[in-house]
Amino acid sequence: MSDFRLDRTAFKAQTAKEAADQTAYYKQLTWQERLRIANYLNSVAYNYPENNPPRMDKTVFSIRTIEK
């Protein structure tokens, strides 16, 4: 995925029909390819290295039992 680069200066206004055409392209990809693309876009959006996502802070969560 390192060959994908996001050009933040580019913007293309589209109609709903043109946007739907892109959906058809992504539906042709395998689920693995779509997952790779989603991983790359998340790494760009949240500014972390593509193959090294941040770990979840598990100290925030706690386990509780429901008393009856």
N, C-alpha and C. Protein backbone atom coordinates (compact mmCIF):
# COMPACT_ATOMS: atom_id res chain seq x y z
N MET A 1 0.81 -1.19 0.00
CA MET A 1 0.00 0.00 0.00
C MET A 1 0.86 1.26 0.00
N SER A 2 2.15 1.12 0.09
CA SER A 2 2.98 2.31 0.13
C SER A 2 2.95 3.09 -1.19
N ASP A 3 2.43 2.47 -2.25
CA ASP A 3 2.36 3.17 -3.52
C ASP A 3 1.15 4.12 -3.59
N PHE A 4 0.23 4.05 -2.61
CA PHE A 4 -0.89 4.98 -2.57
C PHE A 4 -0.49 6.22 -1.79
N ARG A 5 -0.72 7.38 -2.35
CA ARG A 5 -0.45 8.64 -1.67
C ARG A 5 -1.67 9.53 -1.80
N LEU A 6 -2.04 10.18 -0.72
CA LEU A 6 -3.19 11.06 -0.73
C LEU A 6 -2.75 12.46 -1.12
N ASP A 7 -3.32 12.97 -2.20
CA ASP A 7 -3.03 14.33 -2.65
C ASP A 7 -4.02 15.26 -1.97
N ARG A 8 -3.58 15.94 -0.93
CA ARG A 8 -4.48 16.79 -0.16
C ARG A 8 -4.84 18.08 -0.90
N THR A 9 -4.18 18.38 -2.00
CA THR A 9 -4.47 19.60 -2.75
C THR A 9 -5.55 19.38 -3.80
N ALA A 10 -5.85 18.13 -4.09
CA ALA A 10 -6.81 17.82 -5.16
C ALA A 10 -8.21 17.70 -4.59
N PHE A 11 -9.17 18.21 -5.34
CA PHE A 11 -10.58 18.08 -4.98
C PHE A 11 -11.37 18.04 -6.27
N LYS A 12 -12.33 17.13 -6.31
CA LYS A 12 -13.15 17.03 -7.50
C LYS A 12 -14.62 17.02 -7.08
N ALA A 13 -15.33 18.04 -7.49
CA ALA A 13 -16.77 18.07 -7.23
C ALA A 13 -17.44 17.05 -8.12
N GLN A 14 -18.36 16.28 -7.55
CA GLN A 14 -19.00 15.22 -8.30
C GLN A 14 -20.51 15.28 -8.14
N THR A 15 -21.19 14.75 -9.10
CA THR A 15 -22.62 14.56 -8.97
C THR A 15 -22.85 13.23 -8.25
N ALA A 16 -24.06 12.97 -7.83
CA ALA A 16 -24.37 11.72 -7.16
C ALA A 16 -24.12 10.53 -8.10
N LYS A 17 -24.40 10.70 -9.38
CA LYS A 17 -24.18 9.62 -10.35
C LYS A 17 -22.70 9.30 -10.49
N GLU A 18 -21.85 10.33 -10.53
CA GLU A 18 -20.40 10.10 -10.62
C GLU A 18 -19.88 9.41 -9.36
N ALA A 19 -20.40 9.79 -8.22
CA ALA A 19 -19.98 9.15 -6.98
C ALA A 19 -20.40 7.68 -6.95
N ALA A 20 -21.56 7.39 -7.49
CA ALA A 20 -22.03 6.00 -7.56
C ALA A 20 -21.14 5.16 -8.45
N ASP A 21 -20.56 5.77 -9.49
CA ASP A 21 -19.64 5.04 -10.37
C ASP A 21 -18.41 4.56 -9.59
N GLN A 22 -17.95 5.33 -8.63
CA GLN A 22 -16.80 4.92 -7.81
C GLN A 22 -17.17 3.75 -6.93
N THR A 23 -18.41 3.70 -6.48
CA THR A 23 -18.86 2.58 -5.67
C THR A 23 -18.74 1.27 -6.44
N ALA A 24 -19.08 1.31 -7.70
CA ALA A 24 -18.98 0.10 -8.53
C ALA A 24 -17.53 -0.37 -8.62
N TYR A 25 -16.59 0.57 -8.71
CA TYR A 25 -15.17 0.20 -8.78
C TYR A 25 -14.74 -0.52 -7.50
N TYR A 26 -15.10 0.05 -6.35
CA TYR A 26 -14.67 -0.55 -5.09
C TYR A 26 -15.35 -1.88 -4.82
N LYS A 27 -16.54 -2.08 -5.34
CA LYS A 27 -17.22 -3.36 -5.17
C LYS A 27 -16.55 -4.46 -5.99
N GLN A 28 -15.79 -4.09 -7.01
CA GLN A 28 -15.06 -5.08 -7.82
C GLN A 28 -13.83 -5.61 -7.09
N LEU A 29 -13.31 -4.85 -6.14
CA LEU A 29 -12.12 -5.26 -5.41
C LEU A 29 -12.46 -6.37 -4.42
N THR A 30 -11.45 -7.16 -4.07
CA THR A 30 -11.67 -8.19 -3.05
C THR A 30 -11.78 -7.50 -1.70
N TRP A 31 -12.31 -8.23 -0.72
CA TRP A 31 -12.47 -7.64 0.60
C TRP A 31 -11.11 -7.33 1.22
N GLN A 32 -10.06 -8.11 0.85
CA GLN A 32 -8.72 -7.85 1.37
C GLN A 32 -8.18 -6.52 0.83
N GLU A 33 -8.41 -6.26 -0.46
CA GLU A 33 -7.95 -5.00 -1.05
C GLU A 33 -8.69 -3.80 -0.45
N ARG A 34 -10.00 -3.95 -0.24
CA ARG A 34 -10.76 -2.87 0.37
C ARG A 34 -10.30 -2.62 1.81
N LEU A 35 -9.98 -3.68 2.52
CA LEU A 35 -9.49 -3.54 3.90
C LEU A 35 -8.13 -2.84 3.92
N ARG A 36 -7.26 -3.18 2.96
CA ARG A 36 -5.96 -2.50 2.86
C ARG A 36 -6.13 -1.01 2.60
N ILE A 37 -7.05 -0.67 1.71
CA ILE A 37 -7.31 0.74 1.40
C ILE A 37 -7.86 1.46 2.63
N ALA A 38 -8.78 0.83 3.34
CA ALA A 38 -9.35 1.43 4.55
C ALA A 38 -8.28 1.64 5.61
N ASN A 39 -7.37 0.67 5.75
CA ASN A 39 -6.27 0.80 6.71
C ASN A 39 -5.38 1.99 6.34
N TYR A 40 -5.08 2.13 5.06
CA TYR A 40 -4.24 3.25 4.62
C TYR A 40 -4.94 4.59 4.89
N LEU A 41 -6.22 4.69 4.54
CA LEU A 41 -6.94 5.95 4.74
C LEU A 41 -7.04 6.30 6.23
N ASN A 42 -7.23 5.29 7.09
CA ASN A 42 -7.24 5.55 8.54
C ASN A 42 -5.88 6.05 9.01
N SER A 43 -4.80 5.45 8.50
CA SER A 43 -3.46 5.88 8.92
C SER A 43 -3.18 7.31 8.51
N VAL A 44 -3.70 7.73 7.35
CA VAL A 44 -3.53 9.11 6.92
C VAL A 44 -4.40 10.04 7.76
N ALA A 45 -5.64 9.64 8.00
CA ALA A 45 -6.57 10.50 8.74
C ALA A 45 -6.13 10.70 10.19
N TYR A 46 -5.60 9.64 10.82
CA TYR A 46 -5.24 9.73 12.23
C TYR A 46 -3.73 9.86 12.45
N ASN A 47 -2.99 10.03 11.36
CA ASN A 47 -1.56 10.33 11.41
C ASN A 47 -0.75 9.31 12.22
N TYR A 48 -0.83 8.06 11.82
CA TYR A 48 0.04 7.03 12.39
C TYR A 48 0.64 6.22 11.25
N PRO A 49 1.79 5.58 11.50
CA PRO A 49 2.41 4.77 10.43
C PRO A 49 1.46 3.67 9.96
N GLU A 50 1.44 3.45 8.68
CA GLU A 50 0.47 2.53 8.08
C GLU A 50 0.49 1.14 8.68
N ASN A 51 1.65 0.58 8.92
CA ASN A 51 1.74 -0.79 9.43
C ASN A 51 2.00 -0.85 10.93
N ASN A 52 1.74 0.27 11.64
CA ASN A 52 1.96 0.30 13.08
C ASN A 52 0.87 1.14 13.74
N PRO A 53 -0.38 0.64 13.77
CA PRO A 53 -1.46 1.44 14.36
C PRO A 53 -1.27 1.57 15.87
N PRO A 54 -1.85 2.60 16.48
CA PRO A 54 -1.72 2.76 17.93
C PRO A 54 -2.47 1.66 18.66
N ARG A 55 -1.97 1.32 19.84
CA ARG A 55 -2.62 0.28 20.63
C ARG A 55 -3.76 0.89 21.44
N MET A 56 -4.76 0.09 21.70
CA MET A 56 -5.89 0.55 22.49
C MET A 56 -5.49 0.67 23.96
N ASP A 57 -5.89 1.77 24.60
CA ASP A 57 -5.61 1.97 26.02
C ASP A 57 -6.61 1.16 26.82
N LYS A 58 -6.19 0.00 27.31
CA LYS A 58 -7.10 -0.91 28.00
C LYS A 58 -7.31 -0.52 29.46
N THR A 59 -6.60 0.49 29.95
CA THR A 59 -6.80 0.93 31.33
C THR A 59 -8.11 1.71 31.47
N VAL A 60 -8.68 2.15 30.38
CA VAL A 60 -9.92 2.93 30.42
C VAL A 60 -11.12 2.02 30.72
N PHE A 61 -11.04 0.78 30.34
CA PHE A 61 -12.15 -0.15 30.48
C PHE A 61 -11.99 -1.00 31.73
N SER A 62 -13.11 -1.40 32.30
CA SER A 62 -13.06 -2.29 33.45
C SER A 62 -14.14 -3.37 33.30
N ILE A 63 -13.94 -4.48 33.96
CA ILE A 63 -14.89 -5.58 33.89
C ILE A 63 -15.73 -5.53 35.16
N ARG A 64 -17.04 -5.58 34.97
CA ARG A 64 -17.96 -5.58 36.10
C ARG A 64 -18.95 -6.72 35.92
N THR A 65 -19.41 -7.25 37.04
CA THR A 65 -20.46 -8.26 36.97
C THR A 65 -21.77 -7.62 37.44
N ILE A 66 -22.85 -8.13 36.93
CA ILE A 66 -24.17 -7.65 37.33
C ILE A 66 -24.63 -8.47 38.53
N GLU A 67 -24.90 -7.79 39.62
CA GLU A 67 -25.36 -8.48 40.82
C GLU A 67 -26.86 -8.67 40.76
N LYS A 68 -27.31 -9.86 41.13
CA LYS A 68 -28.76 -10.16 41.09
C LYS A 68 -29.33 -10.14 42.47
